[in-house]
Amino acid sequence: MLHGLPSGQASSILHPMIVTSHLTKNYHGQPVVDNVSFAVDRGEVVGLLGPNGAGKTTTMRMLAGYLTASGGDASVAGFDVLTQSLEVRRRTGYLPESVPLYPEMRVDEYLRYRGRIKGLHGRRLRSALGAVKEQCGLETMGRELIGHLSRGYRQRVGLADALVHEPELLILDEPTLGLDPDQNQQVRDLIRALAARHTILLCTHILPEVEMTCNRVLILRQGRILAADTPDGLRRKLNQTQYLRIQLKGVRAEIEQGLQSLPGVTGVELTPDGDWWIGRLKATTPDDLRPRCYELATQYGWSLRELAATTPSLEEVYLELTRNADRPRPAHRGA
């Protein structure tokens, strides 16, 4: 148990939903999750971001009780993940990246089976099945074979499984991976609706999804937390980086060369729009570049119809924060 934390039901009420302290997982003596500490308050929706191999899925599996940590501590709803794993599982719904469903079972049959495993019986089980089928849009799918369902509906069945025992915490690992745009939107809307009643830890590669659903973001890199903040807080960390949107008409090579010559400009992207060019400038300078852009357009005789500062997207923030994180780290001592 984490030092200084109460145990039992009192801690379940008073404690944040997730607390990790120096959480570590080693494989073959190498850290996959390396000394990670963070907390998630009740009612939060927190996005866990990072490239492949960053340790996101390993962290989720340790919190869900599917993996044992090599070091450190973790608790869910005030219960220690290692020594009180049954209490943790009662309060956690886990949707892994590859949902382990039984294709030969029908939806109702599968959900009843999973509900019984999680300790539900009789009237409580029937009530829970009706509730999760309504939540996940499965009211008319009870007699369908899981193997005949689309990927989007299989994800819904996986979510219903994770929800059937009314957990306080939902851990969702890439819930929209491989879905088409319509299915993606449906699952995203479902997650947003679930956020009203559950604490959610969400792992995804789709950054706009995080921006639309998450209160806070944790960025992992090489097994360590690189940044932890709200999306707006992460943007403020880039206060020396500015992004400009510009629309102008002229010769592309001349426009690129001119804009790249401005002080502090580190990137220029031009997209054609008929006879016009839509430009996206990135610059690392505290000076407002808009007057310089206007002077440049006047000097070269470019037609100018838009020039505006823009807020960086979460994707741009993520790329900026991780750009310098690829440097080799010193060898880790010990397992």
Protein backbone atom coordinates (compact mmCIF):
# COMPACT_ATOMS: atom_id res chain seq x y z
CA MET A 1 0.00 0.00 0.00
CA LEU A 2 1.19 3.54 -0.64
CA HIS A 3 2.68 5.06 2.48
CA GLY A 4 0.33 7.27 4.46
CA LEU A 5 -2.82 6.19 2.60
CA PRO A 6 -5.83 4.83 4.50
CA SER A 7 -7.12 1.37 3.65
CA GLY A 8 -10.54 -0.22 3.25
CA GLN A 9 -13.78 1.52 2.48
CA ALA A 10 -12.74 4.88 3.93
CA SER A 11 -9.88 5.13 1.44
CA SER A 12 -12.25 4.17 -1.38
CA ILE A 13 -14.30 7.27 -0.58
CA LEU A 14 -11.49 9.72 0.21
CA HIS A 15 -8.74 8.69 -2.15
CA PRO A 16 -8.20 9.73 -5.79
CA MET A 17 -9.28 7.04 -8.24
CA ILE A 18 -5.72 6.18 -9.36
CA VAL A 19 -2.42 6.82 -7.60
CA THR A 20 0.90 5.45 -8.82
CA SER A 21 4.21 6.00 -7.05
CA HIS A 22 7.49 5.14 -8.80
CA LEU A 23 5.70 2.41 -10.77
CA THR A 24 8.18 0.29 -12.73
CA LYS A 25 8.01 -2.73 -15.04
CA ASN A 26 11.14 -4.41 -16.38
CA TYR A 27 11.49 -6.95 -19.16
CA HIS A 28 14.84 -8.75 -19.42
CA GLY A 29 16.37 -6.14 -17.14
CA GLN A 30 15.19 -3.20 -19.26
CA PRO A 31 12.55 -0.76 -17.99
CA VAL A 32 9.38 -0.58 -20.08
CA VAL A 33 7.67 1.56 -17.45
CA ASP A 34 10.29 3.53 -15.57
CA ASN A 35 9.57 5.17 -12.20
CA VAL A 36 6.14 6.55 -13.17
CA SER A 37 4.15 8.57 -10.62
CA PHE A 38 0.77 10.22 -11.27
CA ALA A 39 -2.74 10.54 -9.86
CA VAL A 40 -6.19 10.59 -11.45
CA ASP A 41 -9.04 12.19 -9.51
CA ARG A 42 -12.54 10.79 -9.45
CA GLY A 43 -14.62 11.94 -12.41
CA GLU A 44 -11.62 12.81 -14.56
CA VAL A 45 -11.15 11.65 -18.15
CA VAL A 46 -7.39 11.35 -18.66
CA GLY A 47 -5.70 10.61 -21.98
CA LEU A 48 -2.55 8.50 -22.00
CA LEU A 49 -0.45 9.40 -25.04
CA GLY A 50 2.86 8.26 -26.44
CA PRO A 51 4.45 6.44 -29.39
CA ASN A 52 4.54 2.67 -29.73
CA GLY A 53 6.73 1.20 -26.99
CA ALA A 54 6.24 4.15 -24.63
CA GLY A 55 4.76 1.93 -21.90
CA LYS A 56 1.09 2.95 -22.16
CA THR A 57 -0.44 -0.51 -22.47
CA THR A 58 1.91 -1.96 -19.84
CA THR A 59 0.85 0.78 -17.41
CA MET A 60 -2.82 0.06 -18.07
CA ARG A 61 -2.36 -3.68 -17.61
CA MET A 62 -0.64 -3.15 -14.28
CA LEU A 63 -3.45 -0.89 -13.08
CA ALA A 64 -6.07 -3.41 -14.22
CA GLY A 65 -4.27 -6.23 -12.38
CA TYR A 66 -3.22 -8.15 -15.50
CA LEU A 67 0.51 -7.56 -14.93
CA THR A 68 2.57 -7.40 -11.76
CA ALA A 69 4.84 -4.39 -11.32
CA SER A 70 8.59 -4.85 -10.90
CA GLY A 71 8.68 -1.99 -8.42
CA GLY A 72 6.78 0.94 -6.98
CA ASP A 73 3.15 1.10 -5.86
CA ALA A 74 -0.26 1.63 -7.42
CA SER A 75 -3.77 1.91 -6.01
CA VAL A 76 -7.25 2.12 -7.51
CA ALA A 77 -10.05 3.66 -5.42
CA GLY A 78 -7.73 3.40 -2.42
CA PHE A 79 -7.04 -0.35 -2.84
CA ASP A 80 -3.56 -1.66 -3.52
CA VAL A 81 -3.30 -3.19 -6.98
CA LEU A 82 -0.97 -5.98 -5.82
CA THR A 83 -2.30 -6.97 -2.39
CA GLN A 84 -5.99 -6.13 -2.92
CA SER A 85 -6.36 -7.10 -6.57
CA LEU A 86 -9.89 -8.52 -6.20
CA GLU A 87 -11.14 -5.23 -4.75
CA VAL A 88 -9.42 -3.37 -7.59
CA ARG A 89 -11.02 -5.60 -10.24
CA ARG A 90 -14.47 -5.10 -8.72
CA ARG A 91 -14.04 -1.36 -9.28
CA THR A 92 -12.34 -1.49 -12.70
CA GLY A 93 -13.64 -2.11 -16.20
CA TYR A 94 -10.87 -2.86 -18.70
CA LEU A 95 -11.20 -2.80 -22.49
CA PRO A 96 -7.92 -4.09 -23.99
CA GLU A 97 -6.71 -3.13 -27.45
CA SER A 98 -7.71 -6.54 -28.86
CA VAL A 99 -11.05 -7.41 -27.30
CA PRO A 100 -11.04 -11.14 -26.33
CA LEU A 101 -14.59 -12.10 -27.34
CA TYR A 102 -16.05 -15.55 -28.08
CA PRO A 103 -17.32 -15.42 -31.70
CA GLU A 104 -19.51 -18.53 -31.33
CA MET A 105 -21.54 -16.98 -28.48
CA ARG A 106 -24.52 -14.68 -28.87
CA VAL A 107 -24.34 -11.18 -27.38
CA ASP A 108 -26.77 -11.85 -24.51
CA GLU A 109 -25.16 -15.21 -23.78
CA TYR A 110 -21.69 -13.68 -23.63
CA LEU A 111 -22.71 -10.75 -21.42
CA ARG A 112 -24.58 -13.06 -19.01
CA TYR A 113 -21.50 -15.28 -18.83
CA ARG A 114 -19.21 -12.33 -18.15
CA GLY A 115 -21.62 -10.87 -15.61
CA ARG A 116 -21.68 -14.13 -13.63
CA ILE A 117 -17.87 -14.24 -13.62
CA LYS A 118 -17.95 -10.75 -12.10
CA GLY A 119 -20.31 -11.83 -9.34
CA LEU A 120 -23.71 -10.80 -10.73
CA HIS A 121 -26.72 -13.13 -10.45
CA GLY A 122 -30.49 -13.13 -10.70
CA ARG A 123 -32.32 -9.83 -10.79
CA ARG A 124 -29.11 -7.82 -10.43
CA LEU A 125 -27.62 -9.54 -13.48
CA ARG A 126 -30.76 -9.00 -15.58
CA SER A 127 -30.88 -5.34 -14.59
CA ALA A 128 -27.17 -4.85 -15.39
CA LEU A 129 -27.52 -6.51 -18.81
CA GLY A 130 -30.43 -4.28 -19.75
CA ALA A 131 -28.56 -1.18 -18.61
CA VAL A 132 -25.28 -1.86 -20.45
CA LYS A 133 -27.06 -2.92 -23.65
CA GLU A 134 -28.93 0.39 -23.61
CA GLN A 135 -25.75 2.34 -22.82
CA CYS A 136 -23.81 0.66 -25.64
CA GLY A 137 -26.56 0.63 -28.27
CA LEU A 138 -26.99 -3.16 -28.21
CA GLU A 139 -30.72 -3.37 -27.40
CA THR A 140 -31.57 -5.18 -30.65
CA MET A 141 -28.37 -7.24 -30.90
CA GLY A 142 -28.88 -9.74 -28.08
CA ARG A 143 -29.54 -12.75 -30.35
CA GLU A 144 -26.72 -11.96 -32.80
CA LEU A 145 -23.63 -14.16 -32.94
CA ILE A 146 -20.59 -12.12 -31.94
CA GLY A 147 -18.64 -13.56 -34.87
CA HIS A 148 -21.18 -12.01 -37.28
CA LEU A 149 -20.89 -8.49 -35.83
CA SER A 150 -18.98 -5.61 -37.42
CA ARG A 151 -15.82 -4.44 -35.67
CA GLY A 152 -17.71 -1.42 -34.35
CA TYR A 153 -20.35 -3.59 -32.69
CA ARG A 154 -17.71 -5.94 -31.30
CA GLN A 155 -16.15 -2.89 -29.63
CA ARG A 156 -19.57 -2.09 -28.18
CA VAL A 157 -19.83 -5.63 -26.79
CA GLY A 158 -16.35 -5.23 -25.27
CA LEU A 159 -17.43 -1.95 -23.65
CA ALA A 160 -20.61 -3.56 -22.35
CA ASP A 161 -18.47 -6.32 -20.81
CA ALA A 162 -16.24 -3.70 -19.16
CA LEU A 163 -19.33 -1.90 -17.79
CA VAL A 164 -21.55 -4.79 -16.73
CA HIS A 165 -20.42 -4.81 -13.07
CA GLU A 166 -20.84 -1.02 -12.77
CA PRO A 167 -17.15 -0.17 -12.24
CA GLU A 168 -15.99 3.17 -10.89
CA LEU A 169 -12.99 3.23 -13.26
CA LEU A 170 -12.88 2.48 -16.99
CA ILE A 171 -9.51 1.71 -18.59
CA LEU A 172 -9.81 1.87 -22.38
CA ASP A 173 -6.86 0.87 -24.58
CA GLU A 174 -7.24 2.12 -28.17
CA PRO A 175 -11.05 1.76 -28.17
CA THR A 176 -11.44 3.12 -31.75
CA LEU A 177 -8.47 1.33 -33.36
CA GLY A 178 -9.37 -0.05 -36.79
CA LEU A 179 -12.84 1.48 -36.92
CA ASP A 180 -14.19 3.34 -39.94
CA PRO A 181 -15.04 7.06 -39.48
CA ASP A 182 -18.72 6.40 -38.67
CA GLN A 183 -17.91 3.66 -36.14
CA ASN A 184 -15.17 5.85 -34.69
CA GLN A 185 -17.61 8.69 -34.10
CA GLN A 186 -20.18 6.35 -32.53
CA VAL A 187 -17.67 4.90 -30.06
CA ARG A 188 -16.30 8.38 -29.32
CA ASP A 189 -19.81 9.64 -28.54
CA LEU A 190 -20.35 6.63 -26.31
CA ILE A 191 -17.14 7.32 -24.37
CA ARG A 192 -18.16 10.94 -23.95
CA ALA A 193 -21.51 9.83 -22.52
CA LEU A 194 -19.81 7.35 -20.16
CA ALA A 195 -17.58 10.13 -18.84
CA ALA A 196 -20.56 11.58 -16.97
CA ARG A 197 -20.66 8.52 -14.66
CA HIS A 198 -17.18 7.00 -14.66
CA THR A 199 -13.54 7.95 -14.20
CA ILE A 200 -11.83 7.08 -17.50
CA LEU A 201 -8.20 6.41 -18.42
CA LEU A 202 -8.04 6.44 -22.21
CA CYS A 203 -5.13 5.35 -24.39
CA THR A 204 -5.30 6.35 -28.05
CA HIS A 205 -3.15 7.42 -30.99
CA ILE A 206 -5.89 9.77 -32.25
CA LEU A 207 -5.02 13.11 -30.72
CA PRO A 208 -8.21 14.96 -31.80
CA GLU A 209 -10.08 12.25 -29.89
CA VAL A 210 -8.15 13.16 -26.74
CA GLU A 211 -8.73 16.85 -27.34
CA MET A 212 -12.50 16.30 -27.56
CA THR A 213 -12.92 13.91 -24.61
CA CYS A 214 -10.14 14.36 -22.03
CA ASN A 215 -9.78 16.80 -19.14
CA ARG A 216 -6.08 16.05 -18.77
CA VAL A 217 -3.25 14.42 -20.71
CA LEU A 218 -0.28 12.28 -19.66
CA ILE A 219 2.44 11.92 -22.30
CA LEU A 220 4.73 8.91 -21.93
CA ARG A 221 8.06 8.57 -23.71
CA GLN A 222 10.47 5.66 -23.25
CA GLY A 223 8.57 4.52 -20.17
CA ARG A 224 8.64 7.88 -18.41
CA ILE A 225 6.14 10.72 -18.05
CA LEU A 226 7.28 13.52 -20.31
CA ALA A 227 4.41 15.91 -19.56
CA ALA A 228 1.16 15.96 -17.57
CA ASP A 229 -1.34 18.79 -17.91
CA THR A 230 -4.62 19.88 -19.43
CA PRO A 231 -4.58 20.33 -23.24
CA ASP A 232 -4.61 24.11 -22.73
CA GLY A 233 -1.83 23.84 -20.15
CA LEU A 234 0.31 21.91 -22.62
CA ARG A 235 -0.28 24.60 -25.22
CA ARG A 236 0.91 27.25 -22.78
CA LYS A 237 4.18 25.38 -22.44
CA LEU A 238 4.81 26.38 -26.05
CA ASN A 239 4.49 30.11 -25.35
CA GLN A 240 7.70 30.77 -27.30
CA THR A 241 6.29 28.96 -30.34
CA GLN A 242 3.77 30.69 -32.57
CA TYR A 243 1.68 29.40 -35.44
CA LEU A 244 0.38 31.61 -38.22
CA ARG A 245 -2.16 30.93 -40.94
CA ILE A 246 -1.71 32.91 -44.13
CA GLN A 247 -3.54 32.87 -47.49
CA LEU A 248 -1.85 34.53 -50.42
CA LYS A 249 -1.40 34.40 -54.19
CA GLY A 250 2.02 34.26 -55.86
CA VAL A 251 4.77 31.95 -57.07
CA ARG A 252 5.13 29.02 -54.69
CA ALA A 253 8.94 28.84 -54.66
CA GLU A 254 9.13 32.59 -54.03
CA ILE A 255 6.57 32.40 -51.22
CA GLU A 256 8.36 29.50 -49.51
CA GLN A 257 11.75 31.17 -49.76
CA GLY A 258 10.42 34.50 -48.50
CA LEU A 259 8.53 33.08 -45.52
CA GLN A 260 11.40 30.81 -44.51
CA SER A 261 13.72 33.85 -44.44
CA LEU A 262 11.73 35.43 -41.60
CA PRO A 263 13.49 35.35 -38.20
CA GLY A 264 12.63 32.35 -36.08
CA VAL A 265 10.61 30.50 -38.73
CA THR A 266 11.21 26.75 -38.40
CA GLY A 267 8.52 25.39 -40.71
CA VAL A 268 6.41 26.44 -43.69
CA GLU A 269 3.63 24.31 -45.17
CA LEU A 270 1.74 25.43 -48.28
CA THR A 271 -1.49 23.86 -49.54
CA PRO A 272 -3.03 24.91 -52.90
CA ASP A 273 -6.55 26.38 -52.93
CA GLY A 274 -7.29 27.25 -56.54
CA ASP A 275 -5.02 30.16 -57.45
CA TRP A 276 -4.25 30.77 -53.78
CA TRP A 277 -1.86 29.18 -51.31
CA ILE A 278 -2.89 28.40 -47.73
CA GLY A 279 0.21 28.58 -45.57
CA ARG A 280 0.94 27.32 -42.06
CA LEU A 281 3.99 28.90 -40.39
CA LYS A 282 5.70 27.74 -37.24
CA ALA A 283 8.20 30.05 -35.55
CA THR A 284 10.13 30.02 -32.28
CA THR A 285 10.32 33.70 -31.45
CA PRO A 286 8.54 35.96 -28.93
CA ASP A 287 8.06 38.62 -31.65
CA ASP A 288 4.78 38.82 -33.55
CA LEU A 289 5.63 37.89 -37.14
CA ARG A 290 2.42 39.17 -38.68
CA PRO A 291 3.78 42.68 -39.48
CA ARG A 292 6.84 41.08 -41.11
CA CYS A 293 4.62 38.79 -43.18
CA TYR A 294 2.58 41.77 -44.35
CA GLU A 295 5.74 43.70 -45.28
CA LEU A 296 7.01 40.67 -47.18
CA ALA A 297 3.75 40.35 -49.15
CA THR A 298 3.89 44.04 -50.03
CA GLN A 299 7.55 43.77 -51.08
CA TYR A 300 6.93 40.82 -53.44
CA GLY A 301 3.51 41.98 -54.64
CA TRP A 302 1.64 38.94 -53.31
CA SER A 303 -2.11 39.19 -52.89
CA LEU A 304 -2.96 38.62 -49.23
CA ARG A 305 -6.43 37.62 -47.97
CA GLU A 306 -5.74 36.12 -44.55
CA LEU A 307 -3.07 36.51 -41.88
CA ALA A 308 -3.86 35.23 -38.40
CA ALA A 309 -2.24 33.72 -35.33
CA THR A 310 -3.64 30.26 -34.55
CA THR A 311 -3.73 28.04 -31.48
CA PRO A 312 -1.55 24.94 -31.85
CA SER A 313 -3.41 21.66 -32.01
CA LEU A 314 -2.73 18.99 -29.41
CA GLU A 315 -0.93 17.05 -32.13
CA GLU A 316 1.45 19.96 -32.72
CA VAL A 317 2.02 20.30 -28.98
CA TYR A 318 2.71 16.57 -28.71
CA LEU A 319 5.20 16.60 -31.59
CA GLU A 320 6.97 19.65 -30.19
CA LEU A 321 7.27 18.17 -26.69
CA THR A 322 8.55 14.82 -27.94
CA ARG A 323 10.89 16.15 -30.64
CA ASN A 324 13.91 16.23 -28.35
CA ALA A 325 12.98 13.08 -26.43
CA ASP A 326 14.57 10.67 -28.93
CA ARG A 327 18.10 11.28 -27.65
CA PRO A 328 19.69 8.07 -26.31
CA ARG A 329 19.27 7.68 -22.57
CA PRO A 330 22.11 6.49 -20.34
CA ALA A 331 22.11 2.76 -19.56
CA HIS A 332 19.72 1.84 -16.76
CA ARG A 333 21.41 0.18 -13.80
CA GLY A 334 19.74 -2.80 -12.25
CA ALA A 335 16.55 -4.70 -13.08
